[in-house]
Amino acid sequence: MFELVSRRALIVRINSNRVIRSLQRYGLVRYVSRHMHYVVLYVNQDEVETVTDRLEKLRAVRYVKPSYRPDLDPTLTDLEMSGVYKLHDEDDKE
């Protein structure tokens, strides 16, 4: 039957828009910003490191950054207890 595969987005900063078509062989090109020169590329989770290394070796690629969204805790409800947010005096006023 059908099995879900976990994926991760890679943000690929490119030098020129000519390389966009060749990036399709590394994963699914989901978004292209032709003005800002970056591509959002989805790859399988187990292939992230190998694809990142292969992309960084390309001459037309400046850098590759993985998306940190899968690493975030979706059940984070109390930001003050986790240390992400500190309550200030201005927040007490309603």
PDB file of N, CA and C in Angstrom:
ATOM      1  N   MET A   1       0.831  -1.181   0.000  1.00  0.00           N
ATOM      2  CA  MET A   1       0.000   0.000   0.000  1.00  0.00           C
ATOM      3  C   MET A   1       0.878   1.248   0.000  1.00  0.00           C
ATOM      4  N   PHE A   2       0.276   2.370   0.194  1.00  0.00           N
ATOM      5  CA  PHE A   2       0.972   3.651   0.165  1.00  0.00           C
ATOM      6  C   PHE A   2       1.596   3.949   1.522  1.00  0.00           C
ATOM      7  N   GLU A   3       2.833   4.378   1.526  1.00  0.00           N
ATOM      8  CA  GLU A   3       3.537   4.689   2.771  1.00  0.00           C
ATOM      9  C   GLU A   3       4.034   6.131   2.732  1.00  0.00           C
ATOM     10  N   LEU A   4       3.780   6.863   3.806  1.00  0.00           N
ATOM     11  CA  LEU A   4       4.229   8.254   3.885  1.00  0.00           C
ATOM     12  C   LEU A   4       5.726   8.314   4.133  1.00  0.00           C
ATOM     13  N   VAL A   5       6.373   9.220   3.449  1.00  0.00           N
ATOM     14  CA  VAL A   5       7.810   9.423   3.593  1.00  0.00           C
ATOM     15  C   VAL A   5       8.024  10.821   4.153  1.00  0.00           C
ATOM     16  N   SER A   6       8.796  10.933   5.227  1.00  0.00           N
ATOM     17  CA  SER A   6       9.056  12.260   5.792  1.00  0.00           C
ATOM     18  C   SER A   6      10.002  13.023   4.873  1.00  0.00           C
ATOM     19  N   ARG A   7       9.706  14.295   4.705  1.00  0.00           N
ATOM     20  CA  ARG A   7      10.476  15.142   3.801  1.00  0.00           C
ATOM     21  C   ARG A   7      10.948  16.382   4.542  1.00  0.00           C
ATOM     22  N   ARG A   8      11.923  17.039   3.958  1.00  0.00           N
ATOM     23  CA  ARG A   8      12.441  18.281   4.530  1.00  0.00           C
ATOM     24  C   ARG A   8      12.697  19.264   3.407  1.00  0.00           C
ATOM     25  N   ALA A   9      12.433  20.526   3.685  1.00  0.00           N
ATOM     26  CA  ALA A   9      12.667  21.582   2.697  1.00  0.00           C
ATOM     27  C   ALA A   9      14.108  22.067   2.802  1.00  0.00           C
ATOM     28  N   LEU A  10      14.714  22.298   1.674  1.00  0.00           N
ATOM     29  CA  LEU A  10      16.039  22.905   1.598  1.00  0.00           C
ATOM     30  C   LEU A  10      15.893  24.234   0.873  1.00  0.00           C
ATOM     31  N   ILE A  11      16.457  25.276   1.456  1.00  0.00           N
ATOM     32  CA  ILE A  11      16.461  26.581   0.805  1.00  0.00           C
ATOM     33  C   ILE A  11      17.807  26.718   0.106  1.00  0.00           C
ATOM     34  N   VAL A  12      17.770  26.818  -1.211  1.00  0.00           N
ATOM     35  CA  VAL A  12      18.981  26.830  -2.024  1.00  0.00           C
ATOM     36  C   VAL A  12      19.135  28.219  -2.621  1.00  0.00           C
ATOM     37  N   ARG A  13      20.201  28.897  -2.249  1.00  0.00           N
ATOM     38  CA  ARG A  13      20.502  30.222  -2.798  1.00  0.00           C
ATOM     39  C   ARG A  13      21.350  30.029  -4.051  1.00  0.00           C
ATOM     40  N   ILE A  14      20.924  30.604  -5.169  1.00  0.00           N
ATOM     41  CA  ILE A  14      21.585  30.374  -6.448  1.00  0.00           C
ATOM     42  C   ILE A  14      22.152  31.670  -7.009  1.00  0.00           C
ATOM     43  N   ASN A  15      23.132  31.517  -7.900  1.00  0.00           N
ATOM     44  CA  ASN A  15      23.753  32.684  -8.519  1.00  0.00           C
ATOM     45  C   ASN A  15      22.939  33.210  -9.695  1.00  0.00           C
ATOM     46  N   SER A  16      22.366  32.306 -10.483  1.00  0.00           N
ATOM     47  CA  SER A  16      21.579  32.724 -11.642  1.00  0.00           C
ATOM     48  C   SER A  16      20.377  31.804 -11.778  1.00  0.00           C
ATOM     49  N   ASN A  17      19.410  32.247 -12.545  1.00  0.00           N
ATOM     50  CA  ASN A  17      18.181  31.478 -12.716  1.00  0.00           C
ATOM     51  C   ASN A  17      18.327  30.335 -13.715  1.00  0.00           C
ATOM     52  N   ARG A  18      19.439  30.218 -14.376  1.00  0.00           N
ATOM     53  CA  ARG A  18      19.658  29.152 -15.350  1.00  0.00           C
ATOM     54  C   ARG A  18      19.708  27.772 -14.700  1.00  0.00           C
ATOM     55  N   VAL A  19      20.091  27.699 -13.463  1.00  0.00           N
ATOM     56  CA  VAL A  19      20.295  26.423 -12.785  1.00  0.00           C
ATOM     57  C   VAL A  19      18.992  25.822 -12.254  1.00  0.00           C
ATOM     58  N   ILE A  20      17.902  26.543 -12.313  1.00  0.00           N
ATOM     59  CA  ILE A  20      16.636  26.100 -11.715  1.00  0.00           C
ATOM     60  C   ILE A  20      16.172  24.783 -12.314  1.00  0.00           C
ATOM     61  N   ARG A  21      16.238  24.649 -13.606  1.00  0.00           N
ATOM     62  CA  ARG A  21      15.786  23.421 -14.259  1.00  0.00           C
ATOM     63  C   ARG A  21      16.650  22.223 -13.867  1.00  0.00           C
ATOM     64  N   SER A  22      17.928  22.420 -13.674  1.00  0.00           N
ATOM     65  CA  SER A  22      18.797  21.301 -13.302  1.00  0.00           C
ATOM     66  C   SER A  22      18.624  20.901 -11.837  1.00  0.00           C
ATOM     67  N   LEU A  23      18.051  21.770 -11.004  1.00  0.00           N
ATOM     68  CA  LEU A  23      17.809  21.415  -9.606  1.00  0.00           C
ATOM     69  C   LEU A  23      16.671  20.416  -9.456  1.00  0.00           C
ATOM     70  N   GLN A  24      15.867  20.234 -10.488  1.00  0.00           N
ATOM     71  CA  GLN A  24      14.743  19.310 -10.411  1.00  0.00           C
ATOM     72  C   GLN A  24      15.181  17.863 -10.273  1.00  0.00           C
ATOM     73  N   ARG A  25      16.405  17.517 -10.625  1.00  0.00           N
ATOM     74  CA  ARG A  25      16.861  16.139 -10.494  1.00  0.00           C
ATOM     75  C   ARG A  25      17.233  15.795  -9.044  1.00  0.00           C
ATOM     76  N   TYR A  26      17.397  16.790  -8.178  1.00  0.00           N
ATOM     77  CA  TYR A  26      17.770  16.545  -6.788  1.00  0.00           C
ATOM     78  C   TYR A  26      16.565  16.407  -5.866  1.00  0.00           C
ATOM     79  N   GLY A  27      15.416  16.931  -6.268  1.00  0.00           N
ATOM     80  CA  GLY A  27      14.216  16.862  -5.445  1.00  0.00           C
ATOM     81  C   GLY A  27      13.081  17.613  -6.105  1.00  0.00           C
ATOM     82  N   LEU A  28      12.018  17.819  -5.360  1.00  0.00           N
ATOM     83  CA  LEU A  28      10.838  18.514  -5.873  1.00  0.00           C
ATOM     84  C   LEU A  28      10.999  20.017  -5.662  1.00  0.00           C
ATOM     85  N   VAL A  29      11.059  20.766  -6.751  1.00  0.00           N
ATOM     86  CA  VAL A  29      11.156  22.221  -6.677  1.00  0.00           C
ATOM     87  C   VAL A  29       9.758  22.748  -6.393  1.00  0.00           C
ATOM     88  N   ARG A  30       9.592  23.330  -5.217  1.00  0.00           N
ATOM     89  CA  ARG A  30       8.262  23.765  -4.791  1.00  0.00           C
ATOM     90  C   ARG A  30       8.042  25.253  -5.009  1.00  0.00           C
ATOM     91  N   TYR A  31       9.079  26.064  -4.859  1.00  0.00           N
ATOM     92  CA  TYR A  31       8.942  27.513  -5.025  1.00  0.00           C
ATOM     93  C   TYR A  31      10.229  28.076  -5.599  1.00  0.00           C
ATOM     94  N   VAL A  32      10.091  29.037  -6.502  1.00  0.00           N
ATOM     95  CA  VAL A  32      11.248  29.697  -7.103  1.00  0.00           C
ATOM     96  C   VAL A  32      11.050  31.195  -6.982  1.00  0.00           C
ATOM     97  N   SER A  33      12.022  31.876  -6.407  1.00  0.00           N
ATOM     98  CA  SER A  33      12.014  33.327  -6.376  1.00  0.00           C
ATOM     99  C   SER A  33      13.066  33.808  -7.369  1.00  0.00           C
ATOM    100  N   ARG A  34      12.604  34.236  -8.512  1.00  0.00           N
ATOM    101  CA  ARG A  34      13.537  34.654  -9.558  1.00  0.00           C
ATOM    102  C   ARG A  34      14.203  35.998  -9.227  1.00  0.00           C
ATOM    103  N   HIS A  35      13.517  36.821  -8.466  1.00  0.00           N
ATOM    104  CA  HIS A  35      14.083  38.117  -8.100  1.00  0.00           C
ATOM    105  C   HIS A  35      15.105  37.991  -6.969  1.00  0.00           C
ATOM    106  N   MET A  36      14.803  37.170  -5.968  1.00  0.00           N
ATOM    107  CA  MET A  36      15.696  37.017  -4.816  1.00  0.00           C
ATOM    108  C   MET A  36      16.709  35.881  -4.999  1.00  0.00           C
ATOM    109  N   HIS A  37      16.608  35.126  -6.079  1.00  0.00           N
ATOM    110  CA  HIS A  37      17.543  34.061  -6.438  1.00  0.00           C
ATOM    111  C   HIS A  37      17.630  32.963  -5.375  1.00  0.00           C
ATOM    112  N   TYR A  38      16.473  32.387  -5.037  1.00  0.00           N
ATOM    113  CA  TYR A  38      16.493  31.194  -4.184  1.00  0.00           C
ATOM    114  C   TYR A  38      15.394  30.239  -4.603  1.00  0.00           C
ATOM    115  N   VAL A  39      15.583  28.968  -4.225  1.00  0.00           N
ATOM    116  CA  VAL A  39      14.665  27.896  -4.580  1.00  0.00           C
ATOM    117  C   VAL A  39      14.344  27.112  -3.316  1.00  0.00           C
ATOM    118  N   VAL A  40      13.078  26.745  -3.129  1.00  0.00           N
ATOM    119  CA  VAL A  40      12.687  25.849  -2.047  1.00  0.00           C
ATOM    120  C   VAL A  40      12.549  24.467  -2.656  1.00  0.00           C
ATOM    121  N   LEU A  41      13.376  23.550  -2.174  1.00  0.00           N
ATOM    122  CA  LEU A  41      13.488  22.219  -2.742  1.00  0.00           C
ATOM    123  C   LEU A  41      13.149  21.196  -1.674  1.00  0.00           C
ATOM    124  N   TYR A  42      12.228  20.275  -1.948  1.00  0.00           N
ATOM    125  CA  TYR A  42      11.850  19.235  -0.985  1.00  0.00           C
ATOM    126  C   TYR A  42      12.549  17.935  -1.343  1.00  0.00           C
ATOM    127  N   VAL A  43      13.200  17.318  -0.330  1.00  0.00           N
ATOM    128  CA  VAL A  43      13.870  16.031  -0.504  1.00  0.00           C
ATOM    129  C   VAL A  43      13.461  15.110   0.637  1.00  0.00           C
ATOM    130  N   ASN A  44      13.686  13.804   0.459  1.00  0.00           N
ATOM    131  CA  ASN A  44      13.391  12.845   1.518  1.00  0.00           C
ATOM    132  C   ASN A  44      14.313  13.084   2.710  1.00  0.00           C
ATOM    133  N   GLN A  45      13.814  12.812   3.908  1.00  0.00           N
ATOM    134  CA  GLN A  45      14.557  13.092   5.138  1.00  0.00           C
ATOM    135  C   GLN A  45      15.880  12.327   5.189  1.00  0.00           C
ATOM    136  N   ASP A  46      15.886  11.081   4.717  1.00  0.00           N
ATOM    137  CA  ASP A  46      17.118  10.295   4.794  1.00  0.00           C
ATOM    138  C   ASP A  46      18.155  10.697   3.743  1.00  0.00           C
ATOM    139  N   GLU A  47      17.782  11.521   2.784  1.00  0.00           N
ATOM    140  CA  GLU A  47      18.706  11.965   1.738  1.00  0.00           C
ATOM    141  C   GLU A  47      19.170  13.408   1.909  1.00  0.00           C
ATOM    142  N   VAL A  48      18.828  14.044   3.015  1.00  0.00           N
ATOM    143  CA  VAL A  48      19.117  15.475   3.189  1.00  0.00           C
ATOM    144  C   VAL A  48      20.617  15.755   3.144  1.00  0.00           C
ATOM    145  N   GLU A  49      21.409  14.991   3.872  1.00  0.00           N
ATOM    146  CA  GLU A  49      22.848  15.270   3.932  1.00  0.00           C
ATOM    147  C   GLU A  49      23.538  15.036   2.593  1.00  0.00           C
ATOM    148  N   THR A  50      23.176  13.956   1.908  1.00  0.00           N
ATOM    149  CA  THR A  50      23.831  13.677   0.626  1.00  0.00           C
ATOM    150  C   THR A  50      23.437  14.703  -0.431  1.00  0.00           C
ATOM    151  N   VAL A  51      22.176  15.083  -0.460  1.00  0.00           N
ATOM    152  CA  VAL A  51      21.731  16.077  -1.449  1.00  0.00           C
ATOM    153  C   VAL A  51      22.344  17.440  -1.141  1.00  0.00           C
ATOM    154  N   THR A  52      22.438  17.787   0.142  1.00  0.00           N
ATOM    155  CA  THR A  52      23.055  19.066   0.523  1.00  0.00           C
ATOM    156  C   THR A  52      24.512  19.114   0.079  1.00  0.00           C
ATOM    157  N   ASP A  53      25.252  18.031   0.301  1.00  0.00           N
ATOM    158  CA  ASP A  53      26.651  17.999  -0.128  1.00  0.00           C
ATOM    159  C   ASP A  53      26.777  18.109  -1.642  1.00  0.00           C
ATOM    160  N   ARG A  54      25.902  17.419  -2.367  1.00  0.00           N
ATOM    161  CA  ARG A  54      25.953  17.474  -3.829  1.00  0.00           C
ATOM    162  C   ARG A  54      25.579  18.851  -4.348  1.00  0.00           C
ATOM    163  N   LEU A  55      24.615  19.509  -3.711  1.00  0.00           N
ATOM    164  CA  LEU A  55      24.209  20.839  -4.160  1.00  0.00           C
ATOM    165  C   LEU A  55      25.279  21.885  -3.882  1.00  0.00           C
ATOM    166  N   GLU A  56      25.955  21.770  -2.739  1.00  0.00           N
ATOM    167  CA  GLU A  56      26.991  22.758  -2.400  1.00  0.00           C
ATOM    168  C   GLU A  56      28.195  22.666  -3.321  1.00  0.00           C
ATOM    169  N   LYS A  57      28.377  21.539  -3.976  1.00  0.00           N
ATOM    170  CA  LYS A  57      29.495  21.397  -4.914  1.00  0.00           C
ATOM    171  C   LYS A  57      29.211  22.042  -6.264  1.00  0.00           C
ATOM    172  N   LEU A  58      27.951  22.350  -6.546  1.00  0.00           N
ATOM    173  CA  LEU A  58      27.611  22.993  -7.810  1.00  0.00           C
ATOM    174  C   LEU A  58      28.117  24.437  -7.832  1.00  0.00           C
ATOM    175  N   ARG A  59      28.583  24.856  -8.972  1.00  0.00           N
ATOM    176  CA  ARG A  59      29.159  26.187  -9.088  1.00  0.00           C
ATOM    177  C   ARG A  59      28.101  27.281  -9.001  1.00  0.00           C
ATOM    178  N   ALA A  60      26.884  26.989  -9.437  1.00  0.00           N
ATOM    179  CA  ALA A  60      25.832  27.997  -9.472  1.00  0.00           C
ATOM    180  C   ALA A  60      25.104  28.155  -8.139  1.00  0.00           C
ATOM    181  N   VAL A  61      25.456  27.352  -7.136  1.00  0.00           N
ATOM    182  CA  VAL A  61      24.785  27.395  -5.838  1.00  0.00           C
ATOM    183  C   VAL A  61      25.673  28.124  -4.841  1.00  0.00           C
ATOM    184  N   ARG A  62      25.114  29.134  -4.173  1.00  0.00           N
ATOM    185  CA  ARG A  62      25.874  29.866  -3.150  1.00  0.00           C
ATOM    186  C   ARG A  62      25.906  29.096  -1.838  1.00  0.00           C
ATOM    187  N   TYR A  63      24.717  28.756  -1.304  1.00  0.00           N
ATOM    188  CA  TYR A  63      24.655  27.962  -0.078  1.00  0.00           C
ATOM    189  C   TYR A  63      23.316  27.253   0.001  1.00  0.00           C
ATOM    190  N   VAL A  64      23.255  26.269   0.889  1.00  0.00           N
ATOM    191  CA  VAL A  64      22.048  25.472   1.097  1.00  0.00           C
ATOM    192  C   VAL A  64      21.764  25.454   2.591  1.00  0.00           C
ATOM    193  N   LYS A  65      20.515  25.768   2.966  1.00  0.00           N
ATOM    194  CA  LYS A  65      20.113  25.729   4.372  1.00  0.00           C
ATOM    195  C   LYS A  65      18.887  24.836   4.518  1.00  0.00           C
ATOM    196  N   PRO A  66      18.889  23.960   5.525  1.00  0.00           N
ATOM    197  CA  PRO A  66      17.692  23.128   5.744  1.00  0.00           C
ATOM    198  C   PRO A  66      16.624  23.901   6.499  1.00  0.00           C
ATOM    199  N   SER A  67      15.399  23.496   6.317  1.00  0.00           N
ATOM    200  CA  SER A  67      14.287  24.090   7.050  1.00  0.00           C
ATOM    201  C   SER A  67      14.268  23.516   8.462  1.00  0.00           C
ATOM    202  N   TYR A  68      14.038  24.357   9.453  1.00  0.00           N
ATOM    203  CA  TYR A  68      14.021  23.910  10.843  1.00  0.00           C
ATOM    204  C   TYR A  68      12.613  23.639  11.342  1.00  0.00           C
ATOM    205  N   ARG A  69      11.637  23.710  10.484  1.00  0.00           N
ATOM    206  CA  ARG A  69      10.251  23.517  10.905  1.00  0.00           C
ATOM    207  C   ARG A  69       9.975  22.126  11.481  1.00  0.00           C
ATOM    208  N   PRO A  70      10.502  21.033  10.924  1.00  0.00           N
ATOM    209  CA  PRO A  70      10.240  19.725  11.536  1.00  0.00           C
ATOM    210  C   PRO A  70      10.850  19.565  12.929  1.00  0.00           C
ATOM    211  N   ASP A  71      11.845  20.368  13.260  1.00  0.00           N
ATOM    212  CA  ASP A  71      12.499  20.266  14.565  1.00  0.00           C
ATOM    213  C   ASP A  71      11.750  21.013  15.661  1.00  0.00           C
ATOM    214  N   LEU A  72      10.823  21.895  15.310  1.00  0.00           N
ATOM    215  CA  LEU A  72      10.081  22.673  16.297  1.00  0.00           C
ATOM    216  C   LEU A  72       9.014  21.818  16.964  1.00  0.00           C
ATOM    217  N   ASP A  73       8.730  22.112  18.227  1.00  0.00           N
ATOM    218  CA  ASP A  73       7.718  21.387  18.976  1.00  0.00           C
ATOM    219  C   ASP A  73       6.350  22.003  18.691  1.00  0.00           C
ATOM    220  N   PRO A  74       5.424  21.255  18.064  1.00  0.00           N
ATOM    221  CA  PRO A  74       4.125  21.837  17.735  1.00  0.00           C
ATOM    222  C   PRO A  74       3.214  22.018  18.945  1.00  0.00           C
ATOM    223  N   THR A  75       3.542  21.391  20.066  1.00  0.00           N
ATOM    224  CA  THR A  75       2.699  21.502  21.260  1.00  0.00           C
ATOM    225  C   THR A  75       3.214  22.555  22.222  1.00  0.00           C
ATOM    226  N   LEU A  76       4.047  23.440  21.774  1.00  0.00           N
ATOM    227  CA  LEU A  76       4.618  24.477  22.621  1.00  0.00           C
ATOM    228  C   LEU A  76       3.534  25.516  22.919  1.00  0.00           C
ATOM    229  N   THR A  77       2.962  25.426  24.123  1.00  0.00           N
ATOM    230  CA  THR A  77       1.863  26.325  24.459  1.00  0.00           C
ATOM    231  C   THR A  77       2.292  27.413  25.426  1.00  0.00           C
ATOM    232  N   ASP A  78       3.151  27.096  26.369  1.00  0.00           N
ATOM    233  CA  ASP A  78       3.558  28.081  27.357  1.00  0.00           C
ATOM    234  C   ASP A  78       4.984  28.536  27.056  1.00  0.00           C
ATOM    235  N   LEU A  79       5.102  29.656  26.394  1.00  0.00           N
ATOM    236  CA  LEU A  79       6.414  30.147  25.980  1.00  0.00           C
ATOM    237  C   LEU A  79       7.251  30.642  27.146  1.00  0.00           C
ATOM    238  N   GLU A  80       6.608  31.114  28.208  1.00  0.00           N
ATOM    239  CA  GLU A  80       7.359  31.618  29.360  1.00  0.00           C
ATOM    240  C   GLU A  80       8.060  30.493  30.108  1.00  0.00           C
ATOM    241  N   MET A  81       7.394  29.352  30.262  1.00  0.00           N
ATOM    242  CA  MET A  81       8.000  28.221  30.966  1.00  0.00           C
ATOM    243  C   MET A  81       9.137  27.596  30.175  1.00  0.00           C
ATOM    244  N   SER A  82       9.072  27.644  28.864  1.00  0.00           N
ATOM    245  CA  SER A  82      10.117  27.040  28.049  1.00  0.00           C
ATOM    246  C   SER A  82      11.355  27.928  27.954  1.00  0.00           C
ATOM    247  N   GLY A  83      11.248  29.187  28.330  1.00  0.00           N
ATOM    248  CA  GLY A  83      12.389  30.086  28.286  1.00  0.00           C
ATOM    249  C   GLY A  83      12.493  30.864  26.987  1.00  0.00           C
ATOM    250  N   VAL A  84      11.558  30.668  26.073  1.00  0.00           N
ATOM    251  CA  VAL A  84      11.591  31.386  24.811  1.00  0.00           C
ATOM    252  C   VAL A  84      11.145  32.828  25.004  1.00  0.00           C
ATOM    253  N   TYR A  85      10.183  33.027  25.856  1.00  0.00           N
ATOM    254  CA  TYR A  85       9.615  34.352  26.063  1.00  0.00           C
ATOM    255  C   TYR A  85       9.666  34.694  27.537  1.00  0.00           C
ATOM    256  N   LYS A  86      10.089  35.912  27.854  1.00  0.00           N
ATOM    257  CA  LYS A  86      10.166  36.372  29.239  1.00  0.00           C
ATOM    258  C   LYS A  86       9.091  37.437  29.459  1.00  0.00           C
ATOM    259  N   LEU A  87       8.342  37.299  30.520  1.00  0.00           N
ATOM    260  CA  LEU A  87       7.264  38.234  30.837  1.00  0.00           C
ATOM    261  C   LEU A  87       7.863  39.557  31.303  1.00  0.00           C
ATOM    262  N   HIS A  88       7.396  40.655  30.719  1.00  0.00           N
ATOM    263  CA  HIS A  88       7.879  41.987  31.059  1.00  0.00           C
ATOM    264  C   HIS A  88       6.788  42.765  31.795  1.00  0.00           C
ATOM    265  N   ASP A  89       7.164  43.919  32.326  1.00  0.00           N
ATOM    266  CA  ASP A  89       6.202  44.745  33.064  1.00  0.00           C
ATOM    267  C   ASP A  89       5.080  45.250  32.163  1.00  0.00           C
ATOM    268  N   GLU A  90       5.394  45.513  30.886  1.00  0.00           N
ATOM    269  CA  GLU A  90       4.392  46.026  29.976  1.00  0.00           C
ATOM    270  C   GLU A  90       3.309  44.979  29.685  1.00  0.00           C
ATOM    271  N   ASP A  91       3.663  43.707  29.819  1.00  0.00           N
ATOM    272  CA  ASP A  91       2.718  42.638  29.505  1.00  0.00           C
ATOM    273  C   ASP A  91       1.658  42.482  30.571  1.00  0.00           C
ATOM    274  N   ASP A  92       1.913  42.962  31.801  1.00  0.00           N
ATOM    275  CA  ASP A  92       0.949  42.823  32.878  1.00  0.00           C
ATOM    276  C   ASP A  92      -0.250  43.756  32.690  1.00  0.00           C
ATOM    277  N   LYS A  93      -0.047  44.866  32.000  1.00  0.00           N
ATOM    278  CA  LYS A  93      -1.128  45.832  31.798  1.00  0.00           C
ATOM    279  C   LYS A  93      -2.116  45.273  30.778  1.00  0.00           C
ATOM    280  N   GLU A  94      -3.385  45.400  31.105  1.00  0.00           N
ATOM    281  CA  GLU A  94      -4.407  44.930  30.176  1.00  0.00           C
ATOM    282  C   GLU A  94      -5.331  46.042  29.775  1.00  0.00           C
TER     283      GLU A  94
END
